């Protein structure tokens, strides 16, 4: 599966939220600087070409829907990030967050508890 650009990812977040949407409905959900309708339409078609979205035709217009779930994308993204930046080591990932003070000792204890209770 191809990686998404930031703009494609933003549009997918909207599709996951709406579940089915026409381009004009996606456009309404975009916060901040809104792209031109044709630009957004191109982004949505790119998502379809990459296999992330599908559509149903209603005359000359299309209603788009996600094919890839948010959970499947999250798993793909996390796995590729860990492979690319942390040498496939979850330990390195957690160590990074600990060093950056992005995770507390209490949260680490909760993670350990989750791991111990799962196995």
PDB file of N, CA and C in Angstrom:
ATOM      1  N   UNK A   1       0.835  -1.170   0.000  1.00  0.00           N
ATOM      2  CA  UNK A   1       0.000   0.000   0.000  1.00  0.00           C
ATOM      3  C   UNK A   1       0.890   1.247   0.000  1.00  0.00           C
ATOM      4  N   UNK A   2       0.564   2.193  -0.843  1.00  0.00           N
ATOM      5  CA  UNK A   2       1.355   3.429  -0.926  1.00  0.00           C
ATOM      6  C   UNK A   2       1.070   4.330   0.267  1.00  0.00           C
ATOM      7  N   UNK A   3       2.108   5.055   0.684  1.00  0.00           N
ATOM      8  CA  UNK A   3       1.935   6.038   1.752  1.00  0.00           C
ATOM      9  C   UNK A   3       1.084   7.189   1.239  1.00  0.00           C
ATOM     10  N   UNK A   4       0.383   7.819   2.147  1.00  0.00           N
ATOM     11  CA  UNK A   4      -0.432   8.969   1.794  1.00  0.00           C
ATOM     12  C   UNK A   4       0.338  10.258   2.044  1.00  0.00           C
ATOM     13  N   UNK A   5       0.041  11.272   1.232  1.00  0.00           N
ATOM     14  CA  UNK A   5       0.572  12.601   1.503  1.00  0.00           C
ATOM     15  C   UNK A   5      -0.208  13.168   2.685  1.00  0.00           C
ATOM     16  N   UNK A   6       0.276  14.261   3.254  1.00  0.00           N
ATOM     17  CA  UNK A   6      -0.433  14.891   4.373  1.00  0.00           C
ATOM     18  C   UNK A   6      -1.848  15.303   3.974  1.00  0.00           C
ATOM     19  N   UNK A   7      -2.000  15.860   2.784  1.00  0.00           N
ATOM     20  CA  UNK A   7      -3.326  16.288   2.322  1.00  0.00           C
ATOM     21  C   UNK A   7      -4.246  15.089   2.115  1.00  0.00           C
ATOM     22  N   UNK A   8      -3.708  14.014   1.545  1.00  0.00           N
ATOM     23  CA  UNK A   8      -4.504  12.797   1.354  1.00  0.00           C
ATOM     24  C   UNK A   8      -4.937  12.222   2.705  1.00  0.00           C
ATOM     25  N   UNK A   9      -4.029  12.247   3.652  1.00  0.00           N
ATOM     26  CA  UNK A   9      -4.346  11.737   4.981  1.00  0.00           C
ATOM     27  C   UNK A   9      -5.445  12.577   5.633  1.00  0.00           C
ATOM     28  N   UNK A  10      -5.380  13.893   5.466  1.00  0.00           N
ATOM     29  CA  UNK A  10      -6.418  14.772   6.006  1.00  0.00           C
ATOM     30  C   UNK A  10      -7.785  14.450   5.402  1.00  0.00           C
ATOM     31  N   UNK A  11      -7.815  14.187   4.107  1.00  0.00           N
ATOM     32  CA  UNK A  11      -9.072  13.847   3.436  1.00  0.00           C
ATOM     33  C   UNK A  11      -9.573  12.484   3.913  1.00  0.00           C
ATOM     34  N   UNK A  12      -8.651  11.533   4.108  1.00  0.00           N
ATOM     35  CA  UNK A  12      -9.068  10.220   4.610  1.00  0.00           C
ATOM     36  C   UNK A  12      -9.673  10.339   6.003  1.00  0.00           C
ATOM     37  N   UNK A  13      -9.129  11.195   6.838  1.00  0.00           N
ATOM     38  CA  UNK A  13      -9.693  11.391   8.181  1.00  0.00           C
ATOM     39  C   UNK A  13     -11.143  11.855   8.075  1.00  0.00           C
ATOM     40  N   UNK A  14     -11.411  12.711   7.113  1.00  0.00           N
ATOM     41  CA  UNK A  14     -12.784  13.185   6.898  1.00  0.00           C
ATOM     42  C   UNK A  14     -13.660  12.055   6.385  1.00  0.00           C
ATOM     43  N   UNK A  15     -13.146  11.264   5.441  1.00  0.00           N
ATOM     44  CA  UNK A  15     -13.924  10.132   4.927  1.00  0.00           C
ATOM     45  C   UNK A  15     -14.228   9.115   6.028  1.00  0.00           C
ATOM     46  N   UNK A  16     -13.258   8.847   6.893  1.00  0.00           N
ATOM     47  CA  UNK A  16     -13.502   7.926   7.997  1.00  0.00           C
ATOM     48  C   UNK A  16     -14.599   8.471   8.909  1.00  0.00           C
ATOM     49  N   UNK A  17     -14.571   9.784   9.115  1.00  0.00           N
ATOM     50  CA  UNK A  17     -15.569  10.414   9.986  1.00  0.00           C
ATOM     51  C   UNK A  17     -16.961  10.373   9.352  1.00  0.00           C
ATOM     52  N   UNK A  18     -17.053  10.733   8.074  1.00  0.00           N
ATOM     53  CA  UNK A  18     -18.352  10.829   7.400  1.00  0.00           C
ATOM     54  C   UNK A  18     -18.862   9.470   6.897  1.00  0.00           C
ATOM     55  N   UNK A  19     -17.949   8.550   6.648  1.00  0.00           N
ATOM     56  CA  UNK A  19     -18.223   7.207   6.118  1.00  0.00           C
ATOM     57  C   UNK A  19     -18.573   7.193   4.631  1.00  0.00           C
ATOM     58  N   UNK A  20     -19.395   8.121   4.157  1.00  0.00           N
ATOM     59  CA  UNK A  20     -19.692   8.290   2.735  1.00  0.00           C
ATOM     60  C   UNK A  20     -19.853   9.783   2.497  1.00  0.00           C
ATOM     61  N   UNK A  21     -19.264  10.285   1.402  1.00  0.00           N
ATOM     62  CA  UNK A  21     -19.363  11.725   1.177  1.00  0.00           C
ATOM     63  C   UNK A  21     -19.093  12.088  -0.276  1.00  0.00           C
ATOM     64  N   UNK A  22     -19.801  13.108  -0.731  1.00  0.00           N
ATOM     65  CA  UNK A  22     -19.512  13.737  -2.007  1.00  0.00           C
ATOM     66  C   UNK A  22     -18.384  14.737  -1.773  1.00  0.00           C
ATOM     67  N   UNK A  23     -17.676  15.124  -2.831  1.00  0.00           N
ATOM     68  CA  UNK A  23     -16.550  16.047  -2.706  1.00  0.00           C
ATOM     69  C   UNK A  23     -16.992  17.329  -2.002  1.00  0.00           C
ATOM     70  N   UNK A  24     -18.187  17.846  -2.325  1.00  0.00           N
ATOM     71  CA  UNK A  24     -18.651  19.094  -1.697  1.00  0.00           C
ATOM     72  C   UNK A  24     -18.841  18.920  -0.188  1.00  0.00           C
ATOM     73  N   UNK A  25     -19.213  17.712   0.258  1.00  0.00           N
ATOM     74  CA  UNK A  25     -19.357  17.454   1.690  1.00  0.00           C
ATOM     75  C   UNK A  25     -17.996  17.379   2.380  1.00  0.00           C
ATOM     76  N   UNK A  26     -17.027  16.803   1.690  1.00  0.00           N
ATOM     77  CA  UNK A  26     -15.658  16.753   2.224  1.00  0.00           C
ATOM     78  C   UNK A  26     -15.125  18.169   2.346  1.00  0.00           C
ATOM     79  N   UNK A  27     -15.372  18.984   1.328  1.00  0.00           N
ATOM     80  CA  UNK A  27     -14.899  20.366   1.311  1.00  0.00           C
ATOM     81  C   UNK A  27     -15.432  21.148   2.510  1.00  0.00           C
ATOM     82  N   UNK A  28     -16.681  20.923   2.876  1.00  0.00           N
ATOM     83  CA  UNK A  28     -17.289  21.619   4.023  1.00  0.00           C
ATOM     84  C   UNK A  28     -16.576  21.273   5.336  1.00  0.00           C
ATOM     85  N   UNK A  29     -16.017  20.077   5.420  1.00  0.00           N
ATOM     86  CA  UNK A  29     -15.380  19.608   6.652  1.00  0.00           C
ATOM     87  C   UNK A  29     -13.942  20.104   6.820  1.00  0.00           C
ATOM     88  N   UNK A  30     -13.338  20.605   5.755  1.00  0.00           N
ATOM     89  CA  UNK A  30     -11.937  21.040   5.810  1.00  0.00           C
ATOM     90  C   UNK A  30     -11.855  22.360   6.558  1.00  0.00           C
ATOM     91  N   UNK A  31     -11.004  22.380   7.570  1.00  0.00           N
ATOM     92  CA  UNK A  31     -10.816  23.586   8.364  1.00  0.00           C
ATOM     93  C   UNK A  31      -9.653  24.387   7.799  1.00  0.00           C
ATOM     94  N   UNK A  32      -9.691  25.681   8.020  1.00  0.00           N
ATOM     95  CA  UNK A  32      -8.615  26.541   7.548  1.00  0.00           C
ATOM     96  C   UNK A  32      -8.755  26.828   6.065  1.00  0.00           C
ATOM     97  N   UNK A  33      -7.623  26.958   5.393  1.00  0.00           N
ATOM     98  CA  UNK A  33      -7.622  27.246   3.961  1.00  0.00           C
ATOM     99  C   UNK A  33      -8.177  26.087   3.160  1.00  0.00           C
ATOM    100  N   UNK A  34      -9.303  26.314   2.531  1.00  0.00           N
ATOM    101  CA  UNK A  34      -9.949  25.259   1.753  1.00  0.00           C
ATOM    102  C   UNK A  34      -9.348  25.203   0.346  1.00  0.00           C
ATOM    103  N   UNK A  35      -9.065  23.996  -0.132  1.00  0.00           N
ATOM    104  CA  UNK A  35      -8.560  23.868  -1.500  1.00  0.00           C
ATOM    105  C   UNK A  35      -9.688  24.137  -2.500  1.00  0.00           C
ATOM    106  N   UNK A  36      -9.334  24.397  -3.722  1.00  0.00           N
ATOM    107  CA  UNK A  36     -10.328  24.537  -4.788  1.00  0.00           C
ATOM    108  C   UNK A  36     -11.029  23.193  -4.961  1.00  0.00           C
ATOM    109  N   UNK A  37     -12.278  23.212  -5.337  1.00  0.00           N
ATOM    110  CA  UNK A  37     -13.071  21.996  -5.520  1.00  0.00           C
ATOM    111  C   UNK A  37     -12.348  20.994  -6.418  1.00  0.00           C
ATOM    112  N   UNK A  38     -11.800  21.468  -7.553  1.00  0.00           N
ATOM    113  CA  UNK A  38     -11.118  20.559  -8.491  1.00  0.00           C
ATOM    114  C   UNK A  38      -9.863  19.934  -7.871  1.00  0.00           C
ATOM    115  N   UNK A  39      -9.162  20.703  -7.052  1.00  0.00           N
ATOM    116  CA  UNK A  39      -7.974  20.175  -6.369  1.00  0.00           C
ATOM    117  C   UNK A  39      -8.379  19.068  -5.411  1.00  0.00           C
ATOM    118  N   UNK A  40      -9.433  19.309  -4.637  1.00  0.00           N
ATOM    119  CA  UNK A  40      -9.918  18.300  -3.708  1.00  0.00           C
ATOM    120  C   UNK A  40     -10.407  17.055  -4.454  1.00  0.00           C
ATOM    121  N   UNK A  41     -11.077  17.261  -5.563  1.00  0.00           N
ATOM    122  CA  UNK A  41     -11.558  16.149  -6.377  1.00  0.00           C
ATOM    123  C   UNK A  41     -10.386  15.289  -6.856  1.00  0.00           C
ATOM    124  N   UNK A  42      -9.294  15.921  -7.226  1.00  0.00           N
ATOM    125  CA  UNK A  42      -8.088  15.198  -7.657  1.00  0.00           C
ATOM    126  C   UNK A  42      -7.507  14.397  -6.496  1.00  0.00           C
ATOM    127  N   UNK A  43      -7.475  14.985  -5.305  1.00  0.00           N
ATOM    128  CA  UNK A  43      -6.951  14.288  -4.126  1.00  0.00           C
ATOM    129  C   UNK A  43      -7.787  13.038  -3.848  1.00  0.00           C
ATOM    130  N   UNK A  44      -9.109  13.181  -3.929  1.00  0.00           N
ATOM    131  CA  UNK A  44      -9.996  12.045  -3.670  1.00  0.00           C
ATOM    132  C   UNK A  44      -9.794  10.956  -4.726  1.00  0.00           C
ATOM    133  N   UNK A  45      -9.645  11.354  -5.981  1.00  0.00           N
ATOM    134  CA  UNK A  45      -9.398  10.355  -7.036  1.00  0.00           C
ATOM    135  C   UNK A  45      -8.053   9.657  -6.828  1.00  0.00           C
ATOM    136  N   UNK A  46      -7.055  10.399  -6.326  1.00  0.00           N
ATOM    137  CA  UNK A  46      -5.759   9.781  -6.007  1.00  0.00           C
ATOM    138  C   UNK A  46      -5.911   8.740  -4.906  1.00  0.00           C
ATOM    139  N   UNK A  47      -6.758   9.049  -3.911  1.00  0.00           N
ATOM    140  CA  UNK A  47      -7.017   8.081  -2.848  1.00  0.00           C
ATOM    141  C   UNK A  47      -7.644   6.813  -3.416  1.00  0.00           C
ATOM    142  N   UNK A  48      -8.497   7.006  -4.397  1.00  0.00           N
ATOM    143  CA  UNK A  48      -9.136   5.862  -5.039  1.00  0.00           C
ATOM    144  C   UNK A  48      -8.107   5.039  -5.827  1.00  0.00           C
ATOM    145  N   UNK A  49      -7.242   5.720  -6.556  1.00  0.00           N
ATOM    146  CA  UNK A  49      -6.205   5.029  -7.332  1.00  0.00           C
ATOM    147  C   UNK A  49      -5.246   4.261  -6.430  1.00  0.00           C
ATOM    148  N   UNK A  50      -4.983   4.789  -5.239  1.00  0.00           N
ATOM    149  CA  UNK A  50      -4.083   4.131  -4.293  1.00  0.00           C
ATOM    150  C   UNK A  50      -4.775   3.007  -3.525  1.00  0.00           C
ATOM    151  N   UNK A  51      -6.084   2.853  -3.706  1.00  0.00           N
ATOM    152  CA  UNK A  51      -6.815   1.777  -3.060  1.00  0.00           C
ATOM    153  C   UNK A  51      -7.344   2.089  -1.673  1.00  0.00           C
ATOM    154  N   UNK A  52      -7.351   3.361  -1.308  1.00  0.00           N
ATOM    155  CA  UNK A  52      -7.839   3.759   0.006  1.00  0.00           C
ATOM    156  C   UNK A  52      -9.327   4.085   0.013  1.00  0.00           C
ATOM    157  N   UNK A  53      -9.867   4.476  -1.131  1.00  0.00           N
ATOM    158  CA  UNK A  53     -11.271   4.886  -1.219  1.00  0.00           C
ATOM    159  C   UNK A  53     -11.914   4.267  -2.455  1.00  0.00           C
ATOM    160  N   UNK A  54     -13.223   4.177  -2.401  1.00  0.00           N
ATOM    161  CA  UNK A  54     -14.002   3.719  -3.533  1.00  0.00           C
ATOM    162  C   UNK A  54     -15.125   4.722  -3.762  1.00  0.00           C
ATOM    163  N   UNK A  55     -15.948   4.471  -4.790  1.00  0.00           N
ATOM    164  CA  UNK A  55     -17.064   5.396  -5.018  1.00  0.00           C
ATOM    165  C   UNK A  55     -18.282   4.660  -5.556  1.00  0.00           C
ATOM    166  N   UNK A  56     -19.422   5.310  -5.376  1.00  0.00           N
ATOM    167  CA  UNK A  56     -20.657   4.878  -6.023  1.00  0.00           C
ATOM    168  C   UNK A  56     -21.072   6.042  -6.912  1.00  0.00           C
ATOM    169  N   UNK A  57     -21.492   5.731  -8.125  1.00  0.00           N
ATOM    170  CA  UNK A  57     -21.876   6.770  -9.081  1.00  0.00           C
ATOM    171  C   UNK A  57     -23.356   7.113  -8.932  1.00  0.00           C
ATOM    172  N   UNK A  58     -23.625   8.401  -8.977  1.00  0.00           N
ATOM    173  CA  UNK A  58     -24.985   8.930  -9.008  1.00  0.00           C
ATOM    174  C   UNK A  58     -25.027   9.885 -10.191  1.00  0.00           C
ATOM    175  N   UNK A  59     -25.337   9.353 -11.365  1.00  0.00           N
ATOM    176  CA  UNK A  59     -25.275  10.175 -12.573  1.00  0.00           C
ATOM    177  C   UNK A  59     -23.837  10.549 -12.850  1.00  0.00           C
ATOM    178  N   UNK A  60     -23.582  11.845 -12.952  1.00  0.00           N
ATOM    179  CA  UNK A  60     -22.219  12.337 -13.227  1.00  0.00           C
ATOM    180  C   UNK A  60     -21.415  12.610 -11.965  1.00  0.00           C
ATOM    181  N   UNK A  61     -21.993  12.401 -10.807  1.00  0.00           N
ATOM    182  CA  UNK A  61     -21.280  12.678  -9.564  1.00  0.00           C
ATOM    183  C   UNK A  61     -20.997  11.380  -8.819  1.00  0.00           C
ATOM    184  N   UNK A  62     -19.995  11.422  -7.972  1.00  0.00           N
ATOM    185  CA  UNK A  62     -19.584  10.241  -7.219  1.00  0.00           C
ATOM    186  C   UNK A  62     -19.648  10.506  -5.722  1.00  0.00           C
ATOM    187  N   UNK A  63     -20.095   9.504  -4.993  1.00  0.00           N
ATOM    188  CA  UNK A  63     -20.036   9.551  -3.531  1.00  0.00           C
ATOM    189  C   UNK A  63     -18.940   8.587  -3.119  1.00  0.00           C
ATOM    190  N   UNK A  64     -17.978   9.104  -2.374  1.00  0.00           N
ATOM    191  CA  UNK A  64     -16.790   8.338  -2.001  1.00  0.00           C
ATOM    192  C   UNK A  64     -16.932   7.745  -0.606  1.00  0.00           C
ATOM    193  N   UNK A  65     -16.226   6.649  -0.388  1.00  0.00           N
ATOM    194  CA  UNK A  65     -16.232   5.981   0.905  1.00  0.00           C
ATOM    195  C   UNK A  65     -14.871   5.331   1.118  1.00  0.00           C
ATOM    196  N   UNK A  66     -14.460   5.184   2.373  1.00  0.00           N
ATOM    197  CA  UNK A  66     -13.161   4.545   2.648  1.00  0.00           C
ATOM    198  C   UNK A  66     -13.214   3.046   2.402  1.00  0.00           C
ATOM    199  N   UNK A  67     -12.161   2.518   1.842  1.00  0.00           N
ATOM    200  CA  UNK A  67     -12.005   1.070   1.676  1.00  0.00           C
ATOM    201  C   UNK A  67     -11.086   0.548   2.783  1.00  0.00           C
ATOM    202  N   UNK A  68     -10.050   1.315   3.090  1.00  0.00           N
ATOM    203  CA  UNK A  68      -9.112   0.963   4.150  1.00  0.00           C
ATOM    204  C   UNK A  68      -9.634   1.565   5.451  1.00  0.00           C
ATOM    205  N   UNK A  69      -9.710   0.752   6.492  1.00  0.00           N
ATOM    206  CA  UNK A  69     -10.180   1.255   7.786  1.00  0.00           C
ATOM    207  C   UNK A  69      -9.107   2.121   8.438  1.00  0.00           C
ATOM    208  N   UNK A  70      -9.551   2.957   9.344  1.00  0.00           N
ATOM    209  CA  UNK A  70      -8.619   3.795  10.094  1.00  0.00           C
ATOM    210  C   UNK A  70      -7.643   2.922  10.886  1.00  0.00           C
ATOM    211  N   UNK A  71      -8.141   1.823  11.439  1.00  0.00           N
ATOM    212  CA  UNK A  71      -7.298   0.921  12.223  1.00  0.00           C
ATOM    213  C   UNK A  71      -6.227   0.263  11.352  1.00  0.00           C
ATOM    214  N   UNK A  72      -6.606  -0.158  10.145  1.00  0.00           N
ATOM    215  CA  UNK A  72      -5.636  -0.789   9.230  1.00  0.00           C
ATOM    216  C   UNK A  72      -4.564   0.214   8.818  1.00  0.00           C
ATOM    217  N   UNK A  73      -4.975   1.468   8.561  1.00  0.00           N
ATOM    218  CA  UNK A  73      -4.007   2.496   8.187  1.00  0.00           C
ATOM    219  C   UNK A  73      -3.084   2.805   9.355  1.00  0.00           C
ATOM    220  N   UNK A  74      -3.661   2.908  10.556  1.00  0.00           N
ATOM    221  CA  UNK A  74      -2.849   3.196  11.742  1.00  0.00           C
ATOM    222  C   UNK A  74      -1.793   2.116  11.922  1.00  0.00           C
ATOM    223  N   UNK A  75      -2.181   0.852  11.761  1.00  0.00           N
ATOM    224  CA  UNK A  75      -1.236  -0.262  11.909  1.00  0.00           C
ATOM    225  C   UNK A  75      -0.123  -0.164  10.865  1.00  0.00           C
ATOM    226  N   UNK A  76      -0.493   0.108   9.621  1.00  0.00           N
ATOM    227  CA  UNK A  76       0.488   0.262   8.546  1.00  0.00           C
ATOM    228  C   UNK A  76       1.437   1.418   8.845  1.00  0.00           C
ATOM    229  N   UNK A  77       0.875   2.546   9.270  1.00  0.00           N
ATOM    230  CA  UNK A  77       1.672   3.737   9.556  1.00  0.00           C
ATOM    231  C   UNK A  77       2.625   3.486  10.717  1.00  0.00           C
ATOM    232  N   UNK A  78       2.130   2.906  11.787  1.00  0.00           N
ATOM    233  CA  UNK A  78       2.972   2.634  12.963  1.00  0.00           C
ATOM    234  C   UNK A  78       4.085   1.659  12.597  1.00  0.00           C
ATOM    235  N   UNK A  79       3.728   0.579  11.909  1.00  0.00           N
ATOM    236  CA  UNK A  79       4.742  -0.414  11.545  1.00  0.00           C
ATOM    237  C   UNK A  79       5.818   0.180  10.645  1.00  0.00           C
ATOM    238  N   UNK A  80       5.424   1.001   9.662  1.00  0.00           N
ATOM    239  CA  UNK A  80       6.437   1.585   8.772  1.00  0.00           C
ATOM    240  C   UNK A  80       7.268   2.633   9.503  1.00  0.00           C
ATOM    241  N   UNK A  81       6.663   3.379  10.424  1.00  0.00           N
ATOM    242  CA  UNK A  81       7.407   4.372  11.203  1.00  0.00           C
ATOM    243  C   UNK A  81       8.434   3.689  12.095  1.00  0.00           C
ATOM    244  N   UNK A  82       8.012   2.616  12.749  1.00  0.00           N
ATOM    245  CA  UNK A  82       8.939   1.883  13.623  1.00  0.00           C
ATOM    246  C   UNK A  82      10.075   1.276  12.801  1.00  0.00           C
ATOM    247  N   UNK A  83       9.748   0.764  11.624  1.00  0.00           N
ATOM    248  CA  UNK A  83      10.789   0.195  10.756  1.00  0.00           C
ATOM    249  C   UNK A  83      11.739   1.287  10.263  1.00  0.00           C
ATOM    250  N   UNK A  84      11.198   2.422   9.827  1.00  0.00           N
ATOM    251  CA  UNK A  84      12.014   3.487   9.233  1.00  0.00           C
ATOM    252  C   UNK A  84      12.846   4.264  10.252  1.00  0.00           C
ATOM    253  N   UNK A  85      12.297   4.485  11.455  1.00  0.00           N
ATOM    254  CA  UNK A  85      12.954   5.394  12.394  1.00  0.00           C
ATOM    255  C   UNK A  85      13.454   4.745  13.688  1.00  0.00           C
ATOM    256  N   UNK A  86      13.009   3.534  13.982  1.00  0.00           N
ATOM    257  CA  UNK A  86      13.370   2.912  15.256  1.00  0.00           C
ATOM    258  C   UNK A  86      13.935   1.503  15.082  1.00  0.00           C
ATOM    259  N   UNK A  87      14.474   1.197  13.907  1.00  0.00           N
ATOM    260  CA  UNK A  87      15.111  -0.099  13.632  1.00  0.00           C
ATOM    261  C   UNK A  87      14.221  -1.285  14.020  1.00  0.00           C
ATOM    262  N   UNK A  88      12.925  -1.167  13.710  1.00  0.00           N
ATOM    263  CA  UNK A  88      11.950  -2.224  14.013  1.00  0.00           C
ATOM    264  C   UNK A  88      11.884  -2.565  15.498  1.00  0.00           C
ATOM    265  N   UNK A  89      12.225  -1.614  16.357  1.00  0.00           N
ATOM    266  CA  UNK A  89      12.256  -1.868  17.796  1.00  0.00           C
ATOM    267  C   UNK A  89      11.205  -1.020  18.512  1.00  0.00           C
ATOM    268  N   UNK A  90      10.213  -1.708  19.081  1.00  0.00           N
ATOM    269  CA  UNK A  90       9.212  -1.007  19.886  1.00  0.00           C
ATOM    270  C   UNK A  90       9.862  -0.429  21.143  1.00  0.00           C
ATOM    271  N   UNK A  91      10.893  -1.110  21.635  1.00  0.00           N
ATOM    272  CA  UNK A  91      11.631  -0.616  22.797  1.00  0.00           C
ATOM    273  C   UNK A  91      12.247   0.744  22.486  1.00  0.00           C
ATOM    274  N   UNK A  92      12.812   0.883  21.290  1.00  0.00           N
ATOM    275  CA  UNK A  92      13.398   2.169  20.895  1.00  0.00           C
ATOM    276  C   UNK A  92      12.334   3.252  20.804  1.00  0.00           C
ATOM    277  N   UNK A  93      11.166   2.887  20.322  1.00  0.00           N
ATOM    278  CA  UNK A  93      10.062   3.841  20.215  1.00  0.00           C
ATOM    279  C   UNK A  93       9.642   4.326  21.600  1.00  0.00           C
ATOM    280  N   UNK A  94       9.427   3.400  22.521  1.00  0.00           N
ATOM    281  CA  UNK A  94       9.009   3.775  23.872  1.00  0.00           C
ATOM    282  C   UNK A  94      10.116   4.564  24.569  1.00  0.00           C
ATOM    283  N   UNK A  95      11.363   4.164  24.361  1.00  0.00           N
ATOM    284  CA  UNK A  95      12.493   4.896  24.947  1.00  0.00           C
ATOM    285  C   UNK A  95      12.534   6.330  24.448  1.00  0.00           C
ATOM    286  N   UNK A  96      12.245   6.520  23.166  1.00  0.00           N
ATOM    287  CA  UNK A  96      12.205   7.864  22.593  1.00  0.00           C
ATOM    288  C   UNK A  96      11.184   8.723  23.326  1.00  0.00           C
ATOM    289  N   UNK A  97       9.968   8.179  23.497  1.00  0.00           N
ATOM    290  CA  UNK A  97       8.923   8.943  24.177  1.00  0.00           C
ATOM    291  C   UNK A  97       9.280   9.217  25.637  1.00  0.00           C
ATOM    292  N   UNK A  98       9.930   8.263  26.277  1.00  0.00           N
ATOM    293  CA  UNK A  98      10.341   8.462  27.670  1.00  0.00           C
ATOM    294  C   UNK A  98      11.388   9.569  27.762  1.00  0.00           C
ATOM    295  N   UNK A  99      12.374   9.543  26.870  1.00  0.00           N
ATOM    296  CA  UNK A  99      13.427  10.563  26.883  1.00  0.00           C
ATOM    297  C   UNK A  99      12.873  11.945  26.569  1.00  0.00           C
ATOM    298  N   UNK A 100      11.877  12.005  25.701  1.00  0.00           N
ATOM    299  CA  UNK A 100      11.268  13.284  25.327  1.00  0.00           C
ATOM    300  C   UNK A 100      10.212  13.731  26.350  1.00  0.00           C
ATOM    301  N   UNK A 101      10.050  12.926  27.397  1.00  0.00           N
ATOM    302  CA  UNK A 101       9.063  13.191  28.449  1.00  0.00           C
ATOM    303  C   UNK A 101       7.648  13.296  27.894  1.00  0.00           C
ATOM    304  N   UNK A 102       7.350  12.467  26.892  1.00  0.00           N
ATOM    305  CA  UNK A 102       6.020  12.412  26.286  1.00  0.00           C
ATOM    306  C   UNK A 102       5.179  11.298  26.905  1.00  0.00           C
ATOM    307  N   UNK A 103       5.814  10.502  27.770  1.00  0.00           N
ATOM    308  CA  UNK A 103       5.107   9.405  28.428  1.00  0.00           C
ATOM    309  C   UNK A 103       5.556   9.384  29.886  1.00  0.00           C
ATOM    310  N   UNK A 104       4.605   9.220  30.775  1.00  0.00           N
ATOM    311  CA  UNK A 104       4.915   9.252  32.207  1.00  0.00           C
ATOM    312  C   UNK A 104       5.241   7.854  32.729  1.00  0.00           C
ATOM    313  N   UNK A 105       5.801   7.814  33.937  1.00  0.00           N
ATOM    314  CA  UNK A 105       6.106   6.548  34.586  1.00  0.00           C
ATOM    315  C   UNK A 105       4.809   5.768  34.802  1.00  0.00           C
ATOM    316  N   UNK A 106       3.745   6.485  35.180  1.00  0.00           N
ATOM    317  CA  UNK A 106       2.456   5.829  35.393  1.00  0.00           C
ATOM    318  C   UNK A 106       1.959   5.171  34.100  1.00  0.00           C
ATOM    319  N   UNK A 107       2.106   5.871  32.984  1.00  0.00           N
ATOM    320  CA  UNK A 107       1.686   5.307  31.693  1.00  0.00           C
ATOM    321  C   UNK A 107       2.532   4.093  31.325  1.00  0.00           C
ATOM    322  N   UNK A 108       3.832   4.147  31.610  1.00  0.00           N
ATOM    323  CA  UNK A 108       4.700   3.000  31.346  1.00  0.00           C
ATOM    324  C   UNK A 108       4.283   1.802  32.195  1.00  0.00           C
ATOM    325  N   UNK A 109       3.917   2.068  33.448  1.00  0.00           N
ATOM    326  CA  UNK A 109       3.452   0.975  34.322  1.00  0.00           C
ATOM    327  C   UNK A 109       2.156   0.380  33.772  1.00  0.00           C
ATOM    328  N   UNK A 110       1.266   1.225  33.261  1.00  0.00           N
ATOM    329  CA  UNK A 110       0.019   0.741  32.654  1.00  0.00           C
ATOM    330  C   UNK A 110       0.312  -0.141  31.441  1.00  0.00           C
ATOM    331  N   UNK A 111       1.285   0.264  30.635  1.00  0.00           N
ATOM    332  CA  UNK A 111       1.671  -0.525  29.457  1.00  0.00           C
ATOM    333  C   UNK A 111       2.215  -1.881  29.892  1.00  0.00           C
ATOM    334  N   UNK A 112       3.083  -1.877  30.893  1.00  0.00           N
ATOM    335  CA  UNK A 112       3.641  -3.132  31.400  1.00  0.00           C
ATOM    336  C   UNK A 112       2.520  -4.030  31.918  1.00  0.00           C
ATOM    337  N   UNK A 113       1.584  -3.443  32.640  1.00  0.00           N
ATOM    338  CA  UNK A 113       0.445  -4.201  33.161  1.00  0.00           C
ATOM    339  C   UNK A 113      -0.381  -4.804  32.017  1.00  0.00           C
ATOM    340  N   UNK A 114      -0.618  -4.044  30.969  1.00  0.00           N
ATOM    341  CA  UNK A 114      -1.353  -4.548  29.813  1.00  0.00           C
ATOM    342  C   UNK A 114      -0.638  -5.727  29.165  1.00  0.00           C
ATOM    343  N   UNK A 115       0.680  -5.589  29.040  1.00  0.00           N
ATOM    344  CA  UNK A 115       1.473  -6.660  28.419  1.00  0.00           C
ATOM    345  C   UNK A 115       1.445  -7.911  29.285  1.00  0.00           C
ATOM    346  N   UNK A 116       1.647  -7.729  30.601  1.00  0.00           N
ATOM    347  CA  UNK A 116       1.678  -8.881  31.498  1.00  0.00           C
ATOM    348  C   UNK A 116       0.328  -9.588  31.557  1.00  0.00           C
ATOM    349  N   UNK A 117      -0.747  -8.863  31.536  1.00  0.00           N
ATOM    350  CA  UNK A 117      -2.078  -9.472  31.627  1.00  0.00           C
ATOM    351  C   UNK A 117      -2.539 -10.100  30.325  1.00  0.00           C
ATOM    352  N   UNK A 118      -1.926  -9.690  29.227  1.00  0.00           N
ATOM    353  CA  UNK A 118      -2.306 -10.261  27.938  1.00  0.00           C
ATOM    354  C   UNK A 118      -1.664 -11.625  27.723  1.00  0.00           C
ATOM    355  N   UNK A 119      -0.494 -11.807  28.269  1.00  0.00           N
ATOM    356  CA  UNK A 119       0.220 -13.055  28.060  1.00  0.00           C
ATOM    357  C   UNK A 119       0.034 -13.969  29.173  1.00  0.00           C
TER     358      UNK A 119
END
